[in-house]
Amino acid sequence: MAHPLDIVFAALADPTRRQILSMLLEDDMAVTDVADPFDMSLAAISKHLGILAGAGLISQEKRGRVKWCKLEPDALRDASIWMQGFGQFEAVNLDAFERFLAQELPPRDHE
């Protein structure tokens, strides 16, 4: 079974999912509102939301007929603590971490 930190970083690896998390920083959102800015199907957004929920980064709750998404900021705590161990990253500065990885890791073909 994958380590919880591996699951969080795998979820954060996708730019769409990072953008969704940024949107949820503002407030809880209905799934349809999360999907609005993206040029992809509702099913594709739902898959991204499922990955985020599986990593514990968001929670989903049905209110009436609408499914709502809520950021779970504590889920990033362990990842943030791990990154702070490198000393060159601010807590949850994912853009800087992504740039670091791009410089350090050789490019690979996308699946």
C-alpha atoms as a PDB file:
ATOM      1  CA  MET A   1       0.000   0.000   0.000  1.00  0.00           C
ATOM      2  CA  ALA A   2       1.275   3.470  -0.876  1.00  0.00           C
ATOM      3  CA  HIS A   3       2.506   5.787   1.857  1.00  0.00           C
ATOM      4  CA  PRO A   4       0.006   8.633   2.554  1.00  0.00           C
ATOM      5  CA  LEU A   5       2.626  11.213   1.543  1.00  0.00           C
ATOM      6  CA  ASP A   6       3.043   9.436  -1.821  1.00  0.00           C
ATOM      7  CA  ILE A   7      -0.699   9.676  -2.409  1.00  0.00           C
ATOM      8  CA  VAL A   8      -0.731  13.405  -1.558  1.00  0.00           C
ATOM      9  CA  PHE A   9       2.200  14.157  -3.873  1.00  0.00           C
ATOM     10  CA  ALA A  10       0.662  12.083  -6.676  1.00  0.00           C
ATOM     11  CA  ALA A  11      -2.552  14.103  -6.323  1.00  0.00           C
ATOM     12  CA  LEU A  12      -0.587  17.372  -6.331  1.00  0.00           C
ATOM     13  CA  ALA A  13       1.370  16.362  -9.444  1.00  0.00           C
ATOM     14  CA  ASP A  14      -1.455  17.394 -11.765  1.00  0.00           C
ATOM     15  CA  PRO A  15      -1.860  21.130 -12.553  1.00  0.00           C
ATOM     16  CA  THR A  16      -5.648  20.815 -12.828  1.00  0.00           C
ATOM     17  CA  ARG A  17      -5.843  19.400  -9.324  1.00  0.00           C
ATOM     18  CA  ARG A  18      -3.577  22.138  -7.971  1.00  0.00           C
ATOM     19  CA  GLN A  19      -5.829  24.740  -9.596  1.00  0.00           C
ATOM     20  CA  ILE A  20      -8.891  23.109  -8.025  1.00  0.00           C
ATOM     21  CA  LEU A  21      -7.227  23.297  -4.605  1.00  0.00           C
ATOM     22  CA  SER A  22      -6.475  26.982  -5.174  1.00  0.00           C
ATOM     23  CA  MET A  23     -10.111  27.607  -6.042  1.00  0.00           C
ATOM     24  CA  LEU A  24     -11.246  25.837  -2.880  1.00  0.00           C
ATOM     25  CA  LEU A  25      -9.013  28.091  -0.762  1.00  0.00           C
ATOM     26  CA  GLU A  26     -11.668  30.770  -1.209  1.00  0.00           C
ATOM     27  CA  ASP A  27     -14.713  28.777  -0.108  1.00  0.00           C
ATOM     28  CA  ASP A  28     -16.580  25.486  -0.476  1.00  0.00           C
ATOM     29  CA  MET A  29     -17.808  24.979  -4.032  1.00  0.00           C
ATOM     30  CA  ALA A  30     -20.392  22.867  -5.814  1.00  0.00           C
ATOM     31  CA  VAL A  31     -18.877  20.365  -8.232  1.00  0.00           C
ATOM     32  CA  THR A  32     -20.485  22.152 -11.180  1.00  0.00           C
ATOM     33  CA  ASP A  33     -18.880  25.449 -10.087  1.00  0.00           C
ATOM     34  CA  VAL A  34     -15.499  23.738  -9.778  1.00  0.00           C
ATOM     35  CA  ALA A  35     -15.914  22.442 -13.340  1.00  0.00           C
ATOM     36  CA  ASP A  36     -16.884  25.818 -14.871  1.00  0.00           C
ATOM     37  CA  PRO A  37     -13.404  27.260 -15.594  1.00  0.00           C
ATOM     38  CA  PHE A  38     -12.062  24.035 -17.117  1.00  0.00           C
ATOM     39  CA  ASP A  39     -12.378  22.907 -20.704  1.00  0.00           C
ATOM     40  CA  MET A  40     -13.147  19.294 -19.814  1.00  0.00           C
ATOM     41  CA  SER A  41     -16.138  17.137 -19.077  1.00  0.00           C
ATOM     42  CA  LEU A  42     -17.863  16.978 -15.719  1.00  0.00           C
ATOM     43  CA  ALA A  43     -16.826  13.319 -15.573  1.00  0.00           C
ATOM     44  CA  ALA A  44     -13.148  14.305 -15.949  1.00  0.00           C
ATOM     45  CA  ILE A  45     -13.471  16.922 -13.195  1.00  0.00           C
ATOM     46  CA  SER A  46     -15.209  14.345 -10.998  1.00  0.00           C
ATOM     47  CA  LYS A  47     -12.255  12.004 -11.511  1.00  0.00           C
ATOM     48  CA  HIS A  48      -9.838  14.753 -10.420  1.00  0.00           C
ATOM     49  CA  LEU A  49     -12.028  15.460  -7.388  1.00  0.00           C
ATOM     50  CA  GLY A  50     -12.046  11.764  -6.533  1.00  0.00           C
ATOM     51  CA  ILE A  51      -8.241  11.691  -6.569  1.00  0.00           C
ATOM     52  CA  LEU A  52      -8.085  14.784  -4.342  1.00  0.00           C
ATOM     53  CA  ALA A  53     -10.622  13.249  -1.961  1.00  0.00           C
ATOM     54  CA  GLY A  54      -8.745   9.942  -1.932  1.00  0.00           C
ATOM     55  CA  ALA A  55      -5.599  11.815  -0.887  1.00  0.00           C
ATOM     56  CA  GLY A  56      -7.552  13.531   1.881  1.00  0.00           C
ATOM     57  CA  LEU A  57      -6.980  16.963   0.344  1.00  0.00           C
ATOM     58  CA  ILE A  58     -10.690  17.672  -0.051  1.00  0.00           C
ATOM     59  CA  SER A  59     -13.928  16.309   1.315  1.00  0.00           C
ATOM     60  CA  GLN A  60     -17.178  16.008  -0.586  1.00  0.00           C
ATOM     61  CA  GLU A  61     -20.639  16.306   0.867  1.00  0.00           C
ATOM     62  CA  LYS A  62     -24.041  16.043  -0.710  1.00  0.00           C
ATOM     63  CA  ARG A  63     -26.349  18.911   0.269  1.00  0.00           C
ATOM     64  CA  GLY A  64     -29.733  18.261  -1.237  1.00  0.00           C
ATOM     65  CA  ARG A  65     -29.133  17.432  -4.879  1.00  0.00           C
ATOM     66  CA  VAL A  66     -25.787  19.222  -5.047  1.00  0.00           C
ATOM     67  CA  LYS A  67     -22.383  17.733  -4.240  1.00  0.00           C
ATOM     68  CA  TRP A  68     -20.076  20.234  -2.505  1.00  0.00           C
ATOM     69  CA  CYS A  69     -16.296  20.189  -2.217  1.00  0.00           C
ATOM     70  CA  LYS A  70     -14.347  21.512   0.746  1.00  0.00           C
ATOM     71  CA  LEU A  71     -10.600  21.964   1.139  1.00  0.00           C
ATOM     72  CA  GLU A  72      -9.040  19.945   3.962  1.00  0.00           C
ATOM     73  CA  PRO A  73      -5.946  22.056   4.698  1.00  0.00           C
ATOM     74  CA  ASP A  74      -4.599  19.746   7.408  1.00  0.00           C
ATOM     75  CA  ALA A  75      -3.936  17.124   4.749  1.00  0.00           C
ATOM     76  CA  LEU A  76      -1.100  19.268   3.386  1.00  0.00           C
ATOM     77  CA  ARG A  77       0.584  19.518   6.795  1.00  0.00           C
ATOM     78  CA  ASP A  78       2.732  16.374   6.440  1.00  0.00           C
ATOM     79  CA  ALA A  79       3.770  17.324   2.905  1.00  0.00           C
ATOM     80  CA  SER A  80       4.609  20.829   4.089  1.00  0.00           C
ATOM     81  CA  ILE A  81       6.700  19.512   6.990  1.00  0.00           C
ATOM     82  CA  TRP A  82       8.536  17.183   4.605  1.00  0.00           C
ATOM     83  CA  MET A  83       9.297  20.047   2.184  1.00  0.00           C
ATOM     84  CA  GLN A  84      10.454  22.340   5.008  1.00  0.00           C
ATOM     85  CA  GLY A  85      13.111  19.756   5.768  1.00  0.00           C
ATOM     86  CA  PHE A  86      14.902  20.886   2.612  1.00  0.00           C
ATOM     87  CA  GLY A  87      15.179  24.406   4.025  1.00  0.00           C
ATOM     88  CA  GLN A  88      14.711  26.102   0.681  1.00  0.00           C
ATOM     89  CA  PHE A  89      10.933  25.889   0.505  1.00  0.00           C
ATOM     90  CA  GLU A  90       8.277  27.833   2.284  1.00  0.00           C
ATOM     91  CA  ALA A  91       5.417  25.823   3.721  1.00  0.00           C
ATOM     92  CA  VAL A  92       3.259  24.539   0.876  1.00  0.00           C
ATOM     93  CA  ASN A  93       5.050  26.584  -1.810  1.00  0.00           C
ATOM     94  CA  LEU A  94       4.181  24.017  -4.452  1.00  0.00           C
ATOM     95  CA  ASP A  95       5.218  26.160  -7.420  1.00  0.00           C
ATOM     96  CA  ALA A  96       8.770  26.450  -6.063  1.00  0.00           C
ATOM     97  CA  PHE A  97       8.810  22.713  -5.350  1.00  0.00           C
ATOM     98  CA  GLU A  98       7.643  21.965  -8.893  1.00  0.00           C
ATOM     99  CA  ARG A  99      10.393  24.195 -10.343  1.00  0.00           C
ATOM    100  CA  PHE A 100      12.960  22.429  -8.146  1.00  0.00           C
ATOM    101  CA  LEU A 101      11.806  19.013  -9.359  1.00  0.00           C
ATOM    102  CA  ALA A 102      11.849  20.163 -12.984  1.00  0.00           C
ATOM    103  CA  GLN A 103      15.490  21.216 -12.578  1.00  0.00           C
ATOM    104  CA  GLU A 104      16.589  18.132 -10.653  1.00  0.00           C
ATOM    105  CA  LEU A 105      14.745  15.343 -12.441  1.00  0.00           C
ATOM    106  CA  PRO A 106      15.385  14.328 -16.048  1.00  0.00           C
ATOM    107  CA  PRO A 107      12.432  14.820 -18.384  1.00  0.00           C
ATOM    108  CA  ARG A 108      10.342  11.730 -19.039  1.00  0.00           C
ATOM    109  CA  ASP A 109       7.749  10.832 -21.607  1.00  0.00           C
ATOM    110  CA  HIS A 110       4.170  11.380 -20.521  1.00  0.00           C
ATOM    111  CA  GLU A 111       1.976   8.317 -20.245  1.00  0.00           C
END
